[in-house]
């Protein structure tokens, strides 16, 4: 249970770091995919409690 939650957190952080690094290196990236990435991360943050409940049961 705790291991799965840790994996989810690490995966989210890793994805965020990769996205920020890509957006920082390529200014054009933020115009298109950057906005979608932010939206996806917000959705993931909202869904995270539900995912944790599913994993723990």
PDB file of N, CA and C in Angstrom:
ATOM      1  N   UNK A   1       0.845  -1.201   0.000  1.00  0.00           N
ATOM      2  CA  UNK A   1       0.000   0.000   0.000  1.00  0.00           C
ATOM      3  C   UNK A   1       0.879   1.250   0.000  1.00  0.00           C
ATOM      4  N   UNK A   2       1.769   1.347   0.963  1.00  0.00           N
ATOM      5  CA  UNK A   2       2.624   2.532   1.046  1.00  0.00           C
ATOM      6  C   UNK A   2       3.595   2.574  -0.133  1.00  0.00           C
ATOM      7  N   UNK A   3       4.030   1.402  -0.571  1.00  0.00           N
ATOM      8  CA  UNK A   3       4.956   1.341  -1.702  1.00  0.00           C
ATOM      9  C   UNK A   3       4.293   1.883  -2.967  1.00  0.00           C
ATOM     10  N   UNK A   4       3.034   1.509  -3.191  1.00  0.00           N
ATOM     11  CA  UNK A   4       2.310   1.968  -4.378  1.00  0.00           C
ATOM     12  C   UNK A   4       2.113   3.477  -4.335  1.00  0.00           C
ATOM     13  N   UNK A   5       1.791   4.011  -3.161  1.00  0.00           N
ATOM     14  CA  UNK A   5       1.610   5.457  -3.037  1.00  0.00           C
ATOM     15  C   UNK A   5       2.923   6.174  -3.325  1.00  0.00           C
ATOM     16  N   UNK A   6       4.023   5.613  -2.829  1.00  0.00           N
ATOM     17  CA  UNK A   6       5.333   6.216  -3.066  1.00  0.00           C
ATOM     18  C   UNK A   6       5.662   6.221  -4.551  1.00  0.00           C
ATOM     19  N   UNK A   7       5.337   5.133  -5.239  1.00  0.00           N
ATOM     20  CA  UNK A   7       5.591   5.046  -6.680  1.00  0.00           C
ATOM     21  C   UNK A   7       4.777   6.101  -7.425  1.00  0.00           C
ATOM     22  N   UNK A   8       3.510   6.272  -7.044  1.00  0.00           N
ATOM     23  CA  UNK A   8       2.667   7.274  -7.695  1.00  0.00           C
ATOM     24  C   UNK A   8       3.234   8.671  -7.496  1.00  0.00           C
ATOM     25  N   UNK A   9       3.671   8.968  -6.270  1.00  0.00           N
ATOM     26  CA  UNK A   9       4.220  10.292  -5.978  1.00  0.00           C
ATOM     27  C   UNK A   9       5.504  10.519  -6.769  1.00  0.00           C
ATOM     28  N   UNK A  10       6.388   9.529  -6.768  1.00  0.00           N
ATOM     29  CA  UNK A  10       7.653   9.663  -7.483  1.00  0.00           C
ATOM     30  C   UNK A  10       7.422   9.824  -8.981  1.00  0.00           C
ATOM     31  N   UNK A  11       6.463   9.073  -9.524  1.00  0.00           N
ATOM     32  CA  UNK A  11       6.166   9.165 -10.949  1.00  0.00           C
ATOM     33  C   UNK A  11       5.649  10.557 -11.309  1.00  0.00           C
ATOM     34  N   UNK A  12       4.763  11.099 -10.452  1.00  0.00           N
ATOM     35  CA  UNK A  12       4.214  12.433 -10.697  1.00  0.00           C
ATOM     36  C   UNK A  12       5.309  13.486 -10.643  1.00  0.00           C
ATOM     37  N   UNK A  13       6.184  13.391  -9.640  1.00  0.00           N
ATOM     38  CA  UNK A  13       7.279  14.355  -9.512  1.00  0.00           C
ATOM     39  C   UNK A  13       8.219  14.258 -10.709  1.00  0.00           C
ATOM     40  N   UNK A  14       8.530  13.038 -11.121  1.00  0.00           N
ATOM     41  CA  UNK A  14       9.425  12.837 -12.260  1.00  0.00           C
ATOM     42  C   UNK A  14       8.831  13.432 -13.533  1.00  0.00           C
ATOM     43  N   UNK A  15       7.540  13.192 -13.747  1.00  0.00           N
ATOM     44  CA  UNK A  15       6.872  13.735 -14.931  1.00  0.00           C
ATOM     45  C   UNK A  15       6.871  15.254 -14.892  1.00  0.00           C
ATOM     46  N   UNK A  16       6.657  15.828 -13.702  1.00  0.00           N
ATOM     47  CA  UNK A  16       6.648  17.287 -13.567  1.00  0.00           C
ATOM     48  C   UNK A  16       8.028  17.860 -13.873  1.00  0.00           C
ATOM     49  N   UNK A  17       9.073  17.219 -13.356  1.00  0.00           N
ATOM     50  CA  UNK A  17      10.437  17.701 -13.593  1.00  0.00           C
ATOM     51  C   UNK A  17      10.786  17.631 -15.073  1.00  0.00           C
ATOM     52  N   UNK A  18      10.437  16.519 -15.716  1.00  0.00           N
ATOM     53  CA  UNK A  18      10.733  16.363 -17.145  1.00  0.00           C
ATOM     54  C   UNK A  18       9.996  17.420 -17.962  1.00  0.00           C
ATOM     55  N   UNK A  19       8.726  17.657 -17.618  1.00  0.00           N
ATOM     56  CA  UNK A  19       7.933  18.647 -18.345  1.00  0.00           C
ATOM     57  C   UNK A  19       8.508  20.047 -18.169  1.00  0.00           C
ATOM     58  N   UNK A  20       8.865  20.394 -16.930  1.00  0.00           N
ATOM     59  CA  UNK A  20       9.423  21.722 -16.668  1.00  0.00           C
ATOM     60  C   UNK A  20      10.761  21.892 -17.377  1.00  0.00           C
ATOM     61  N   UNK A  21      11.586  20.860 -17.378  1.00  0.00           N
ATOM     62  CA  UNK A  21      12.888  20.939 -18.044  1.00  0.00           C
ATOM     63  C   UNK A  21      12.714  21.114 -19.546  1.00  0.00           C
ATOM     64  N   UNK A  22      11.771  20.380 -20.122  1.00  0.00           N
ATOM     65  CA  UNK A  22      11.515  20.486 -21.558  1.00  0.00           C
ATOM     66  C   UNK A  22      10.966  21.862 -21.906  1.00  0.00           C
ATOM     67  N   UNK A  23      10.042  22.353 -21.087  1.00  0.00           N
ATOM     68  CA  UNK A  23       9.450  23.668 -21.339  1.00  0.00           C
ATOM     69  C   UNK A  23      10.503  24.758 -21.189  1.00  0.00           C
ATOM     70  N   UNK A  24      11.463  24.561 -20.263  1.00  0.00           N
ATOM     71  CA  UNK A  24      12.492  25.567 -20.040  1.00  0.00           C
ATOM     72  C   UNK A  24      13.486  25.589 -21.196  1.00  0.00           C
ATOM     73  N   UNK A  25      13.805  24.414 -21.753  1.00  0.00           N
ATOM     74  CA  UNK A  25      14.778  24.338 -22.841  1.00  0.00           C
ATOM     75  C   UNK A  25      14.166  24.759 -24.174  1.00  0.00           C
ATOM     76  N   UNK A  26      12.878  24.473 -24.366  1.00  0.00           N
ATOM     77  CA  UNK A  26      12.223  24.789 -25.636  1.00  0.00           C
ATOM     78  C   UNK A  26      11.064  25.751 -25.391  1.00  0.00           C
ATOM     79  N   UNK A  27      11.275  27.052 -25.648  1.00  0.00           N
ATOM     80  CA  UNK A  27      10.215  28.048 -25.401  1.00  0.00           C
ATOM     81  C   UNK A  27       8.939  27.750 -26.175  1.00  0.00           C
ATOM     82  N   UNK A  28       9.057  27.208 -27.385  1.00  0.00           N
ATOM     83  CA  UNK A  28       7.874  26.905 -28.185  1.00  0.00           C
ATOM     84  C   UNK A  28       7.029  25.803 -27.580  1.00  0.00           C
ATOM     85  N   UNK A  29       7.653  24.987 -26.754  1.00  0.00           N
ATOM     86  CA  UNK A  29       6.945  23.849 -26.158  1.00  0.00           C
ATOM     87  C   UNK A  29       5.845  24.324 -25.222  1.00  0.00           C
ATOM     88  N   UNK A  30       6.069  25.460 -24.561  1.00  0.00           N
ATOM     89  CA  UNK A  30       5.097  25.930 -23.570  1.00  0.00           C
ATOM     90  C   UNK A  30       3.812  26.412 -24.239  1.00  0.00           C
ATOM     91  N   UNK A  31       3.902  26.864 -25.485  1.00  0.00           N
ATOM     92  CA  UNK A  31       2.711  27.381 -26.165  1.00  0.00           C
ATOM     93  C   UNK A  31       1.696  26.268 -26.419  1.00  0.00           C
ATOM     94  N   UNK A  32       2.191  25.108 -26.845  1.00  0.00           N
ATOM     95  CA  UNK A  32       1.311  24.013 -27.233  1.00  0.00           C
ATOM     96  C   UNK A  32       1.094  23.028 -26.093  1.00  0.00           C
ATOM     97  N   UNK A  33       2.095  22.167 -25.895  1.00  0.00           N
ATOM     98  CA  UNK A  33       1.952  21.058 -24.958  1.00  0.00           C
ATOM     99  C   UNK A  33       2.049  21.511 -23.507  1.00  0.00           C
ATOM    100  N   UNK A  34       2.716  22.637 -23.248  1.00  0.00           N
ATOM    101  CA  UNK A  34       2.876  23.099 -21.877  1.00  0.00           C
ATOM    102  C   UNK A  34       1.546  23.315 -21.187  1.00  0.00           C
ATOM    103  N   UNK A  35       0.615  23.951 -21.894  1.00  0.00           N
ATOM    104  CA  UNK A  35      -0.700  24.186 -21.314  1.00  0.00           C
ATOM    105  C   UNK A  35      -1.412  22.889 -21.008  1.00  0.00           C
ATOM    106  N   UNK A  36      -1.329  21.947 -21.941  1.00  0.00           N
ATOM    107  CA  UNK A  36      -1.967  20.645 -21.723  1.00  0.00           C
ATOM    108  C   UNK A  36      -1.315  19.912 -20.567  1.00  0.00           C
ATOM    109  N   UNK A  37       0.011  20.021 -20.428  1.00  0.00           N
ATOM    110  CA  UNK A  37       0.700  19.338 -19.333  1.00  0.00           C
ATOM    111  C   UNK A  37       0.223  19.860 -17.987  1.00  0.00           C
ATOM    112  N   UNK A  38       0.066  21.193 -17.885  1.00  0.00           N
ATOM    113  CA  UNK A  38      -0.415  21.786 -16.633  1.00  0.00           C
ATOM    114  C   UNK A  38      -1.815  21.271 -16.321  1.00  0.00           C
ATOM    115  N   UNK A  39      -2.675  21.223 -17.336  1.00  0.00           N
ATOM    116  CA  UNK A  39      -4.042  20.727 -17.138  1.00  0.00           C
ATOM    117  C   UNK A  39      -4.006  19.269 -16.685  1.00  0.00           C
ATOM    118  N   UNK A  40      -3.168  18.463 -17.325  1.00  0.00           N
ATOM    119  CA  UNK A  40      -3.070  17.043 -16.969  1.00  0.00           C
ATOM    120  C   UNK A  40      -2.591  16.880 -15.535  1.00  0.00           C
ATOM    121  N   UNK A  41      -1.602  17.703 -15.112  1.00  0.00           N
ATOM    122  CA  UNK A  41      -1.101  17.597 -13.746  1.00  0.00           C
ATOM    123  C   UNK A  41      -2.172  17.990 -12.741  1.00  0.00           C
ATOM    124  N   UNK A  42      -2.997  19.010 -13.070  1.00  0.00           N
ATOM    125  CA  UNK A  42      -4.090  19.406 -12.172  1.00  0.00           C
ATOM    126  C   UNK A  42      -5.086  18.262 -12.044  1.00  0.00           C
ATOM    127  N   UNK A  43      -5.428  17.634 -13.174  1.00  0.00           N
ATOM    128  CA  UNK A  43      -6.365  16.507 -13.141  1.00  0.00           C
ATOM    129  C   UNK A  43      -5.787  15.356 -12.322  1.00  0.00           C
ATOM    130  N   UNK A  44      -4.490  15.071 -12.511  1.00  0.00           N
ATOM    131  CA  UNK A  44      -3.849  14.006 -11.739  1.00  0.00           C
ATOM    132  C   UNK A  44      -3.879  14.317 -10.255  1.00  0.00           C
ATOM    133  N   UNK A  45      -3.641  15.579  -9.895  1.00  0.00           N
ATOM    134  CA  UNK A  45      -3.661  15.967  -8.486  1.00  0.00           C
ATOM    135  C   UNK A  45      -5.052  15.779  -7.895  1.00  0.00           C
ATOM    136  N   UNK A  46      -6.087  16.086  -8.696  1.00  0.00           N
ATOM    137  CA  UNK A  46      -7.458  15.917  -8.216  1.00  0.00           C
ATOM    138  C   UNK A  46      -7.819  14.438  -8.096  1.00  0.00           C
ATOM    139  N   UNK A  47      -7.298  13.613  -9.000  1.00  0.00           N
ATOM    140  CA  UNK A  47      -7.626  12.185  -8.995  1.00  0.00           C
ATOM    141  C   UNK A  47      -6.776  11.383  -8.018  1.00  0.00           C
ATOM    142  N   UNK A  48      -5.662  11.955  -7.559  1.00  0.00           N
ATOM    143  CA  UNK A  48      -4.735  11.206  -6.705  1.00  0.00           C
ATOM    144  C   UNK A  48      -5.387  10.604  -5.465  1.00  0.00           C
ATOM    145  N   UNK A  49      -6.237  11.342  -4.718  1.00  0.00           N
ATOM    146  CA  UNK A  49      -6.881  10.732  -3.538  1.00  0.00           C
ATOM    147  C   UNK A  49      -7.714   9.505  -3.898  1.00  0.00           C
ATOM    148  N   UNK A  50      -8.440   9.563  -5.013  1.00  0.00           N
ATOM    149  CA  UNK A  50      -9.257   8.426  -5.438  1.00  0.00           C
ATOM    150  C   UNK A  50      -8.368   7.242  -5.814  1.00  0.00           C
ATOM    151  N   UNK A  51      -7.247   7.523  -6.488  1.00  0.00           N
ATOM    152  CA  UNK A  51      -6.320   6.465  -6.873  1.00  0.00           C
ATOM    153  C   UNK A  51      -5.739   5.805  -5.628  1.00  0.00           C
ATOM    154  N   UNK A  52      -5.395   6.613  -4.621  1.00  0.00           N
ATOM    155  CA  UNK A  52      -4.829   6.059  -3.388  1.00  0.00           C
ATOM    156  C   UNK A  52      -5.847   5.181  -2.679  1.00  0.00           C
ATOM    157  N   UNK A  53      -7.123   5.588  -2.696  1.00  0.00           N
ATOM    158  CA  UNK A  53      -8.165   4.772  -2.059  1.00  0.00           C
ATOM    159  C   UNK A  53      -8.304   3.436  -2.785  1.00  0.00           C
ATOM    160  N   UNK A  54      -8.255   3.473  -4.118  1.00  0.00           N
ATOM    161  CA  UNK A  54      -8.358   2.243  -4.903  1.00  0.00           C
ATOM    162  C   UNK A  54      -7.176   1.321  -4.602  1.00  0.00           C
ATOM    163  N   UNK A  55      -5.988   1.897  -4.506  1.00  0.00           N
ATOM    164  CA  UNK A  55      -4.780   1.098  -4.284  1.00  0.00           C
ATOM    165  C   UNK A  55      -4.780   0.497  -2.884  1.00  0.00           C
ATOM    166  N   UNK A  56      -5.247   1.257  -1.893  1.00  0.00           N
ATOM    167  CA  UNK A  56      -5.164   0.807  -0.497  1.00  0.00           C
ATOM    168  C   UNK A  56      -6.159  -0.307  -0.198  1.00  0.00           C
ATOM    169  N   UNK A  57      -7.264  -0.380  -0.957  1.00  0.00           N
ATOM    170  CA  UNK A  57      -8.290  -1.392  -0.653  1.00  0.00           C
ATOM    171  C   UNK A  57      -8.026  -2.699  -1.380  1.00  0.00           C
TER     172      UNK A  57
END
